[in-house]
Amino acid sequence: MRVKYKSWRAGGEDWTGRIVDMDDAEAATLIKANIVEAVAPEVKVETATITPPENTMQKLEKKGKK
C-alpha cells in the first residue's frame, strides 16, 4: 500500500510528505496512529473532445432541439 507521511522525523531525518510503498498491515498500524495517510494509486486518464458531424447539428437545429 502506498502511504504518505504526514509529519514525521526519524533518526534526525525529515520524512514529512514522503510517499512510501509498505506492507498493508504495517500501513494500517501507522494510519491508526495518525502518522501516515493512504495515497491513491496514480492513474493516467486520457481526455478527448468529440465533435459530432455538422449534418447532425443541422438536423438537431431544424427539429428545435439543443
Protein backbone atom coordinates (compact mmCIF):
# COMPACT_ATOMS: atom_id res chain seq x y z
CA MET A 1 0.00 0.00 0.00
CA ARG A 2 1.28 3.46 -0.86
CA VAL A 3 1.25 5.87 2.05
CA LYS A 4 2.36 9.45 2.62
CA TYR A 5 3.97 10.58 5.87
CA LYS A 6 2.08 13.49 7.46
CA SER A 7 4.70 14.94 9.80
CA TRP A 8 7.43 12.61 10.94
CA ARG A 9 11.09 12.77 11.85
CA ALA A 10 13.04 9.54 12.34
CA GLY A 11 16.73 9.36 13.18
CA GLY A 12 17.20 13.07 12.52
CA GLU A 13 15.76 12.72 9.02
CA ASP A 14 12.57 14.52 7.97
CA TRP A 15 10.04 12.13 6.39
CA THR A 16 7.22 14.68 6.01
CA GLY A 17 5.47 14.35 2.63
CA ARG A 18 7.48 11.31 1.59
CA ILE A 19 5.49 8.63 -0.26
CA VAL A 20 6.48 5.05 0.57
CA ASP A 21 5.22 1.63 -0.51
CA MET A 22 4.82 -0.67 2.51
CA ASP A 23 3.09 -3.80 3.79
CA ASP A 24 -0.69 -3.44 4.32
CA ALA A 25 -0.54 -4.49 7.99
CA GLU A 26 2.23 -2.00 8.78
CA ALA A 27 0.41 0.73 6.85
CA ALA A 28 -2.82 0.06 8.77
CA THR A 29 -0.98 0.43 12.09
CA LEU A 30 0.62 3.73 11.04
CA ILE A 31 -2.70 5.06 9.67
CA LYS A 32 -4.38 4.32 13.01
CA ALA A 33 -1.52 6.12 14.79
CA ASN A 34 -2.15 9.15 12.50
CA ILE A 35 1.44 9.08 11.22
CA VAL A 36 0.66 8.36 7.56
CA GLU A 37 -2.29 8.69 5.20
CA ALA A 38 -3.22 6.38 2.33
CA VAL A 39 -2.36 7.56 -1.17
CA ALA A 40 -4.47 6.58 -4.15
CA PRO A 41 -2.55 4.84 -6.91
CA GLU A 42 -1.60 7.04 -9.84
CA VAL A 43 -3.86 6.51 -12.83
CA LYS A 44 -3.34 8.22 -16.15
CA VAL A 45 -6.58 9.47 -17.65
CA GLU A 46 -6.80 10.48 -21.27
CA THR A 47 -9.34 13.09 -22.25
CA ALA A 48 -10.71 13.69 -25.71
CA THR A 49 -13.18 16.09 -27.23
CA ILE A 50 -15.74 14.54 -29.51
CA THR A 51 -17.33 16.80 -32.11
CA PRO A 52 -20.42 15.48 -33.92
CA PRO A 53 -20.58 15.89 -37.71
CA GLU A 54 -22.10 19.15 -38.97
CA ASN A 55 -25.10 17.44 -40.58
CA THR A 56 -26.12 16.04 -37.17
CA MET A 57 -26.00 19.52 -35.66
CA GLN A 58 -28.11 20.89 -38.56
CA LYS A 59 -30.73 18.16 -38.07
CA LEU A 60 -30.97 18.96 -34.37
CA GLU A 61 -31.35 22.69 -35.10
CA LYS A 62 -34.17 22.01 -37.60
CA LYS A 63 -36.08 19.94 -35.02
CA GLY A 64 -35.70 22.73 -32.48
CA LYS A 65 -33.61 20.63 -30.09
CA LYS A 66 -30.44 21.77 -28.46
